[in-house]
Amino acid sequence: MAPWIRHLGGRFLVFDGPDGSGKTTQFARFAEHCRSAGIAVCEVREPGGTSIGEQIRAVLLDPANTAMSLRCEMMLYMASRAQLIEETIRPALKRGDLVLADRFISSTLAYQGTADGMDRDEILQVGHVAVGGHWPDLTVVFDVDEAVAGTRLDPQLDRVESKGAEFHRRVREGYLAQARAEPEKYLVIDASANEDAVFEALLDGMERRFG
């Protein structure tokens, strides 16, 4: 076992990035890698991860809900997040587990913030209420441009995925802007390569942060 992996117990890590970045594939590989090294891992996804959160997810991603306002959308994501913190993330961190989240507030800042134009400070004000002080130790952004990402999406697009290339270009820029603003809290991985190369880059980046 690489020595740095032992430092992950009790940490809160987020894997994030544009739709089609491959983050969910890397999330599964990294979770298994940590478990094989003897680390207890709690996996969660956003929106969702709890019974209440999954119901909110269904509303958020339903292509029929075109009339949903931006403010409503943001607050639904935060409501799902608040439930996830209380029901799953906080107890897991208290146990000393490694918490791995597939998306978190970084997604809201990129999608509803940079891409859709909602004020960053307003998002963070609600975010502070939702998470109650439980912010990630590190957010890993899997970076890929909208052209490559578009080739990886399921043809059956959900409400967010179907917003078009220009929207997803702004989403990508939103993630990169967050990483530039707080480089100590973000790790950017070039996700345009093949799956194995991306995973090796992920492990190298993690070792630099936690080694």
C-alpha atoms as a PDB file:
ATOM      1  CA  MET A   1       0.000   0.000   0.000  1.00  0.00           C
ATOM      2  CA  ALA A   2       1.293   3.448  -0.899  1.00  0.00           C
ATOM      3  CA  PRO A   3       1.931   5.358   2.362  1.00  0.00           C
ATOM      4  CA  TRP A   4      -0.228   8.336   1.337  1.00  0.00           C
ATOM      5  CA  ILE A   5      -3.374   6.191   1.178  1.00  0.00           C
ATOM      6  CA  ARG A   6      -3.202   5.710   4.957  1.00  0.00           C
ATOM      7  CA  HIS A   7      -3.777   9.459   5.316  1.00  0.00           C
ATOM      8  CA  LEU A   8      -7.216   9.329   3.679  1.00  0.00           C
ATOM      9  CA  GLY A   9      -9.211   7.971   6.632  1.00  0.00           C
ATOM     10  CA  GLY A  10     -11.593  10.653   7.885  1.00  0.00           C
ATOM     11  CA  ARG A  11     -11.082  12.775   4.757  1.00  0.00           C
ATOM     12  CA  PHE A  12     -13.816  14.179   2.536  1.00  0.00           C
ATOM     13  CA  LEU A  13     -12.970  14.091  -1.178  1.00  0.00           C
ATOM     14  CA  VAL A  14     -15.150  15.241  -4.077  1.00  0.00           C
ATOM     15  CA  PHE A  15     -14.841  14.064  -7.677  1.00  0.00           C
ATOM     16  CA  ASP A  16     -16.353  16.593 -10.056  1.00  0.00           C
ATOM     17  CA  GLY A  17     -16.307  17.837 -13.617  1.00  0.00           C
ATOM     18  CA  PRO A  18     -18.479  18.432 -16.677  1.00  0.00           C
ATOM     19  CA  ASP A  19     -20.954  15.830 -17.878  1.00  0.00           C
ATOM     20  CA  GLY A  20     -18.989  13.346 -19.977  1.00  0.00           C
ATOM     21  CA  SER A  21     -15.684  13.945 -18.152  1.00  0.00           C
ATOM     22  CA  GLY A  22     -15.423  10.313 -17.013  1.00  0.00           C
ATOM     23  CA  LYS A  23     -15.391  11.283 -13.338  1.00  0.00           C
ATOM     24  CA  THR A  24     -17.855   8.568 -12.325  1.00  0.00           C
ATOM     25  CA  THR A  25     -15.655   5.864 -13.859  1.00  0.00           C
ATOM     26  CA  GLN A  26     -12.617   7.222 -12.021  1.00  0.00           C
ATOM     27  CA  PHE A  27     -14.671   7.545  -8.841  1.00  0.00           C
ATOM     28  CA  ALA A  28     -15.477   3.811  -8.905  1.00  0.00           C
ATOM     29  CA  ARG A  29     -11.873   2.852  -9.636  1.00  0.00           C
ATOM     30  CA  PHE A  30     -10.484   5.051  -6.874  1.00  0.00           C
ATOM     31  CA  ALA A  31     -13.006   3.767  -4.319  1.00  0.00           C
ATOM     32  CA  GLU A  32     -12.020   0.181  -5.094  1.00  0.00           C
ATOM     33  CA  HIS A  33      -8.321   1.084  -4.993  1.00  0.00           C
ATOM     34  CA  CYS A  34      -8.722   2.520  -1.492  1.00  0.00           C
ATOM     35  CA  ARG A  35     -10.796  -0.417  -0.258  1.00  0.00           C
ATOM     36  CA  SER A  36      -8.179  -2.854  -1.516  1.00  0.00           C
ATOM     37  CA  ALA A  37      -5.681  -0.961   0.654  1.00  0.00           C
ATOM     38  CA  GLY A  38      -7.874  -1.461   3.732  1.00  0.00           C
ATOM     39  CA  ILE A  39      -9.484   1.985   3.851  1.00  0.00           C
ATOM     40  CA  ALA A  40     -13.171   2.162   4.826  1.00  0.00           C
ATOM     41  CA  VAL A  41     -14.911   4.127   2.065  1.00  0.00           C
ATOM     42  CA  CYS A  42     -18.331   5.807   2.113  1.00  0.00           C
ATOM     43  CA  GLU A  43     -19.496   6.574  -1.453  1.00  0.00           C
ATOM     44  CA  VAL A  44     -22.196   9.174  -2.109  1.00  0.00           C
ATOM     45  CA  ARG A  45     -23.552  10.869  -5.193  1.00  0.00           C
ATOM     46  CA  GLU A  46     -25.214  14.203  -5.849  1.00  0.00           C
ATOM     47  CA  PRO A  47     -27.966  14.977  -6.187  1.00  0.00           C
ATOM     48  CA  GLY A  48     -29.230  11.930  -4.337  1.00  0.00           C
ATOM     49  CA  GLY A  49     -27.509   9.496  -2.020  1.00  0.00           C
ATOM     50  CA  THR A  50     -30.475   9.271   0.359  1.00  0.00           C
ATOM     51  CA  SER A  51     -34.132   8.358  -0.121  1.00  0.00           C
ATOM     52  CA  ILE A  52     -35.139  12.027   0.038  1.00  0.00           C
ATOM     53  CA  GLY A  53     -32.211  13.072  -2.153  1.00  0.00           C
ATOM     54  CA  GLU A  54     -33.065  10.531  -4.852  1.00  0.00           C
ATOM     55  CA  GLN A  55     -36.603  11.913  -5.027  1.00  0.00           C
ATOM     56  CA  ILE A  56     -35.169  15.414  -5.436  1.00  0.00           C
ATOM     57  CA  ARG A  57     -32.791  14.072  -8.119  1.00  0.00           C
ATOM     58  CA  ALA A  58     -35.716  12.729 -10.129  1.00  0.00           C
ATOM     59  CA  VAL A  59     -37.341  16.177 -10.128  1.00  0.00           C
ATOM     60  CA  LEU A  60     -34.112  17.982 -11.020  1.00  0.00           C
ATOM     61  CA  LEU A  61     -33.164  15.753 -13.957  1.00  0.00           C
ATOM     62  CA  ASP A  62     -36.637  15.204 -15.436  1.00  0.00           C
ATOM     63  CA  PRO A  63     -36.570  16.665 -19.000  1.00  0.00           C
ATOM     64  CA  ALA A  64     -40.245  17.630 -18.564  1.00  0.00           C
ATOM     65  CA  ASN A  65     -39.387  20.206 -15.882  1.00  0.00           C
ATOM     66  CA  THR A  66     -38.400  22.969 -18.296  1.00  0.00           C
ATOM     67  CA  ALA A  67     -40.244  25.629 -16.265  1.00  0.00           C
ATOM     68  CA  MET A  68     -38.006  25.176 -13.205  1.00  0.00           C
ATOM     69  CA  SER A  69     -36.506  28.512 -12.148  1.00  0.00           C
ATOM     70  CA  LEU A  70     -32.781  28.852 -11.569  1.00  0.00           C
ATOM     71  CA  ARG A  71     -33.274  29.770  -7.918  1.00  0.00           C
ATOM     72  CA  CYS A  72     -35.557  26.767  -7.381  1.00  0.00           C
ATOM     73  CA  GLU A  73     -33.014  24.517  -9.095  1.00  0.00           C
ATOM     74  CA  MET A  74     -30.146  25.730  -6.916  1.00  0.00           C
ATOM     75  CA  MET A  75     -32.131  25.313  -3.710  1.00  0.00           C
ATOM     76  CA  LEU A  76     -33.256  21.796  -4.628  1.00  0.00           C
ATOM     77  CA  TYR A  77     -29.613  20.785  -5.096  1.00  0.00           C
ATOM     78  CA  MET A  78     -28.815  22.305  -1.713  1.00  0.00           C
ATOM     79  CA  ALA A  79     -31.763  20.545  -0.053  1.00  0.00           C
ATOM     80  CA  SER A  80     -30.541  17.175  -1.323  1.00  0.00           C
ATOM     81  CA  ARG A  81     -27.036  18.095  -0.113  1.00  0.00           C
ATOM     82  CA  ALA A  82     -28.245  19.055   3.365  1.00  0.00           C
ATOM     83  CA  GLN A  83     -29.980  15.693   3.774  1.00  0.00           C
ATOM     84  CA  LEU A  84     -26.876  13.870   2.543  1.00  0.00           C
ATOM     85  CA  ILE A  85     -24.671  15.657   5.066  1.00  0.00           C
ATOM     86  CA  GLU A  86     -26.961  14.870   8.001  1.00  0.00           C
ATOM     87  CA  GLU A  87     -27.845  11.300   7.068  1.00  0.00           C
ATOM     88  CA  THR A  88     -24.609   9.966   5.585  1.00  0.00           C
ATOM     89  CA  ILE A  89     -21.545  12.215   5.339  1.00  0.00           C
ATOM     90  CA  ARG A  90     -21.353  13.480   8.921  1.00  0.00           C
ATOM     91  CA  PRO A  91     -21.718   9.982  10.488  1.00  0.00           C
ATOM     92  CA  ALA A  92     -19.151   8.529   8.057  1.00  0.00           C
ATOM     93  CA  LEU A  93     -16.568  11.192   8.876  1.00  0.00           C
ATOM     94  CA  LYS A  94     -17.196  10.651  12.577  1.00  0.00           C
ATOM     95  CA  ARG A  95     -16.436   6.931  12.062  1.00  0.00           C
ATOM     96  CA  GLY A  96     -13.164   7.846  10.354  1.00  0.00           C
ATOM     97  CA  ASP A  97     -14.228   6.677   6.905  1.00  0.00           C
ATOM     98  CA  LEU A  98     -12.979   8.190   3.689  1.00  0.00           C
ATOM     99  CA  VAL A  99     -16.002   9.965   2.179  1.00  0.00           C
ATOM    100  CA  LEU A 100     -16.008  10.082  -1.626  1.00  0.00           C
ATOM    101  CA  ALA A 101     -18.677  12.289  -3.191  1.00  0.00           C
ATOM    102  CA  ASP A 102     -19.607  12.256  -6.874  1.00  0.00           C
ATOM    103  CA  ARG A 103     -20.292  16.042  -7.172  1.00  0.00           C
ATOM    104  CA  PHE A 104     -20.780  18.650  -4.444  1.00  0.00           C
ATOM    105  CA  ILE A 105     -21.056  22.451  -4.151  1.00  0.00           C
ATOM    106  CA  SER A 106     -18.409  22.814  -6.864  1.00  0.00           C
ATOM    107  CA  SER A 107     -21.075  21.554  -9.298  1.00  0.00           C
ATOM    108  CA  THR A 108     -23.590  24.172  -8.180  1.00  0.00           C
ATOM    109  CA  LEU A 109     -20.981  26.903  -8.598  1.00  0.00           C
ATOM    110  CA  ALA A 110     -20.133  25.690 -12.111  1.00  0.00           C
ATOM    111  CA  TYR A 111     -23.631  24.875 -13.422  1.00  0.00           C
ATOM    112  CA  GLN A 112     -26.024  27.271 -11.710  1.00  0.00           C
ATOM    113  CA  GLY A 113     -23.281  29.848 -11.101  1.00  0.00           C
ATOM    114  CA  THR A 114     -20.870  30.295 -14.006  1.00  0.00           C
ATOM    115  CA  ALA A 115     -22.980  28.593 -16.687  1.00  0.00           C
ATOM    116  CA  ASP A 116     -26.437  29.872 -15.737  1.00  0.00           C
ATOM    117  CA  GLY A 117     -25.395  33.202 -14.228  1.00  0.00           C
ATOM    118  CA  MET A 118     -26.417  32.953 -10.588  1.00  0.00           C
ATOM    119  CA  ASP A 119     -24.389  35.049  -8.158  1.00  0.00           C
ATOM    120  CA  ARG A 120     -21.553  33.060  -6.556  1.00  0.00           C
ATOM    121  CA  ASP A 121     -21.994  34.691  -3.155  1.00  0.00           C
ATOM    122  CA  GLU A 122     -25.692  33.809  -3.047  1.00  0.00           C
ATOM    123  CA  ILE A 123     -24.876  30.179  -3.820  1.00  0.00           C
ATOM    124  CA  LEU A 124     -22.248  30.080  -1.082  1.00  0.00           C
ATOM    125  CA  GLN A 125     -24.578  31.676   1.465  1.00  0.00           C
ATOM    126  CA  VAL A 126     -27.087  28.867   0.965  1.00  0.00           C
ATOM    127  CA  GLY A 127     -24.240  26.362   0.780  1.00  0.00           C
ATOM    128  CA  HIS A 128     -22.969  27.284   4.223  1.00  0.00           C
ATOM    129  CA  VAL A 129     -26.427  26.565   5.645  1.00  0.00           C
ATOM    130  CA  ALA A 130     -26.711  23.278   3.731  1.00  0.00           C
ATOM    131  CA  VAL A 131     -23.357  21.745   4.652  1.00  0.00           C
ATOM    132  CA  GLY A 132     -23.045  22.978   8.233  1.00  0.00           C
ATOM    133  CA  GLY A 133     -19.272  23.298   8.104  1.00  0.00           C
ATOM    134  CA  HIS A 134     -18.589  20.012   6.285  1.00  0.00           C
ATOM    135  CA  TRP A 135     -16.551  21.207   3.301  1.00  0.00           C
ATOM    136  CA  PRO A 136     -14.336  18.922   1.200  1.00  0.00           C
ATOM    137  CA  ASP A 137     -10.664  18.468   2.008  1.00  0.00           C
ATOM    138  CA  LEU A 138     -10.050  18.305  -1.754  1.00  0.00           C
ATOM    139  CA  THR A 139     -12.134  18.613  -4.909  1.00  0.00           C
ATOM    140  CA  VAL A 140     -10.779  16.725  -7.925  1.00  0.00           C
ATOM    141  CA  VAL A 141     -11.893  18.244 -11.223  1.00  0.00           C
ATOM    142  CA  PHE A 142     -11.765  15.983 -14.268  1.00  0.00           C
ATOM    143  CA  ASP A 143     -11.235  18.472 -17.059  1.00  0.00           C
ATOM    144  CA  VAL A 144     -12.414  17.826 -20.591  1.00  0.00           C
ATOM    145  CA  ASP A 145     -13.646  20.172 -23.300  1.00  0.00           C
ATOM    146  CA  GLU A 146     -17.270  20.158 -24.405  1.00  0.00           C
ATOM    147  CA  ALA A 147     -16.527  18.504 -27.767  1.00  0.00           C
ATOM    148  CA  VAL A 148     -14.890  15.433 -26.219  1.00  0.00           C
ATOM    149  CA  ALA A 149     -17.428  15.326 -23.399  1.00  0.00           C
ATOM    150  CA  GLY A 150     -20.294  15.331 -25.889  1.00  0.00           C
ATOM    151  CA  THR A 151     -19.036  12.119 -27.509  1.00  0.00           C
ATOM    152  CA  ARG A 152     -19.178  10.311 -24.144  1.00  0.00           C
ATOM    153  CA  LEU A 153     -22.760  11.143 -23.143  1.00  0.00           C
ATOM    154  CA  ASP A 154     -25.663   8.727 -23.300  1.00  0.00           C
ATOM    155  CA  PRO A 155     -27.907   9.632 -26.283  1.00  0.00           C
ATOM    156  CA  GLN A 156     -30.824   9.844 -23.818  1.00  0.00           C
ATOM    157  CA  LEU A 157     -29.884  13.199 -22.324  1.00  0.00           C
ATOM    158  CA  ASP A 158     -31.333  14.397 -19.025  1.00  0.00           C
ATOM    159  CA  ARG A 159     -32.551  17.965 -18.455  1.00  0.00           C
ATOM    160  CA  VAL A 160     -29.087  19.322 -17.629  1.00  0.00           C
ATOM    161  CA  GLU A 161     -27.111  17.350 -20.238  1.00  0.00           C
ATOM    162  CA  SER A 162     -29.383  18.628 -23.014  1.00  0.00           C
ATOM    163  CA  LYS A 163     -28.554  22.336 -22.509  1.00  0.00           C
ATOM    164  CA  GLY A 164     -26.092  22.498 -25.417  1.00  0.00           C
ATOM    165  CA  ALA A 165     -22.396  22.919 -26.160  1.00  0.00           C
ATOM    166  CA  GLU A 166     -22.111  26.607 -25.194  1.00  0.00           C
ATOM    167  CA  PHE A 167     -23.657  25.926 -21.795  1.00  0.00           C
ATOM    168  CA  HIS A 168     -21.226  23.074 -21.189  1.00  0.00           C
ATOM    169  CA  ARG A 169     -18.294  25.251 -22.299  1.00  0.00           C
ATOM    170  CA  ARG A 170     -19.248  27.694 -19.543  1.00  0.00           C
ATOM    171  CA  VAL A 171     -19.562  24.810 -17.061  1.00  0.00           C
ATOM    172  CA  ARG A 172     -15.994  23.764 -17.827  1.00  0.00           C
ATOM    173  CA  GLU A 173     -14.750  27.322 -17.384  1.00  0.00           C
ATOM    174  CA  GLY A 174     -16.598  27.471 -14.064  1.00  0.00           C
ATOM    175  CA  TYR A 175     -14.670  24.505 -12.714  1.00  0.00           C
ATOM    176  CA  LEU A 176     -11.329  25.842 -13.931  1.00  0.00           C
ATOM    177  CA  ALA A 177     -12.052  29.247 -12.411  1.00  0.00           C
ATOM    178  CA  GLN A 178     -12.705  27.634  -9.031  1.00  0.00           C
ATOM    179  CA  ALA A 179      -9.402  25.755  -9.238  1.00  0.00           C
ATOM    180  CA  ARG A 180      -7.493  28.900 -10.186  1.00  0.00           C
ATOM    181  CA  ALA A 181      -9.041  30.819  -7.281  1.00  0.00           C
ATOM    182  CA  GLU A 182      -8.297  28.165  -4.633  1.00  0.00           C
ATOM    183  CA  PRO A 183      -5.524  25.900  -5.954  1.00  0.00           C
ATOM    184  CA  GLU A 184      -4.875  24.425  -2.506  1.00  0.00           C
ATOM    185  CA  LYS A 185      -8.435  23.023  -2.421  1.00  0.00           C
ATOM    186  CA  TYR A 186      -8.622  21.703  -5.987  1.00  0.00           C
ATOM    187  CA  LEU A 187      -6.781  19.137  -8.100  1.00  0.00           C
ATOM    188  CA  VAL A 188      -7.323  19.375 -11.867  1.00  0.00           C
ATOM    189  CA  ILE A 189      -6.831  16.197 -13.914  1.00  0.00           C
ATOM    190  CA  ASP A 190      -6.683  16.155 -17.720  1.00  0.00           C
ATOM    191  CA  ALA A 191      -9.504  13.721 -18.486  1.00  0.00           C
ATOM    192  CA  SER A 192      -9.120  13.710 -22.271  1.00  0.00           C
ATOM    193  CA  ALA A 193      -6.760  10.716 -22.244  1.00  0.00           C
ATOM    194  CA  ASN A 194      -7.736   7.059 -21.943  1.00  0.00           C
ATOM    195  CA  GLU A 195      -9.156   5.680 -18.702  1.00  0.00           C
ATOM    196  CA  ASP A 196      -5.922   4.076 -17.458  1.00  0.00           C
ATOM    197  CA  ALA A 197      -3.834   7.189 -18.119  1.00  0.00           C
ATOM    198  CA  VAL A 198      -6.361   9.367 -16.310  1.00  0.00           C
ATOM    199  CA  PHE A 199      -6.317   7.027 -13.313  1.00  0.00           C
ATOM    200  CA  GLU A 200      -2.520   7.118 -13.135  1.00  0.00           C
ATOM    201  CA  ALA A 201      -2.622  10.922 -13.250  1.00  0.00           C
ATOM    202  CA  LEU A 202      -5.204  10.849 -10.450  1.00  0.00           C
ATOM    203  CA  LEU A 203      -3.022   8.665  -8.232  1.00  0.00           C
ATOM    204  CA  ASP A 204       0.014  10.848  -8.907  1.00  0.00           C
ATOM    205  CA  GLY A 205      -1.966  13.954  -8.003  1.00  0.00           C
ATOM    206  CA  MET A 206      -3.289  12.401  -4.816  1.00  0.00           C
ATOM    207  CA  GLU A 207       0.202  11.368  -3.756  1.00  0.00           C
ATOM    208  CA  ARG A 208       1.440  14.941  -4.224  1.00  0.00           C
ATOM    209  CA  ARG A 209      -1.402  16.230  -2.017  1.00  0.00           C
ATOM    210  CA  PHE A 210      -1.434  13.587   0.712  1.00  0.00           C
ATOM    211  CA  GLY A 211       2.001  11.997   0.545  1.00  0.00           C
END
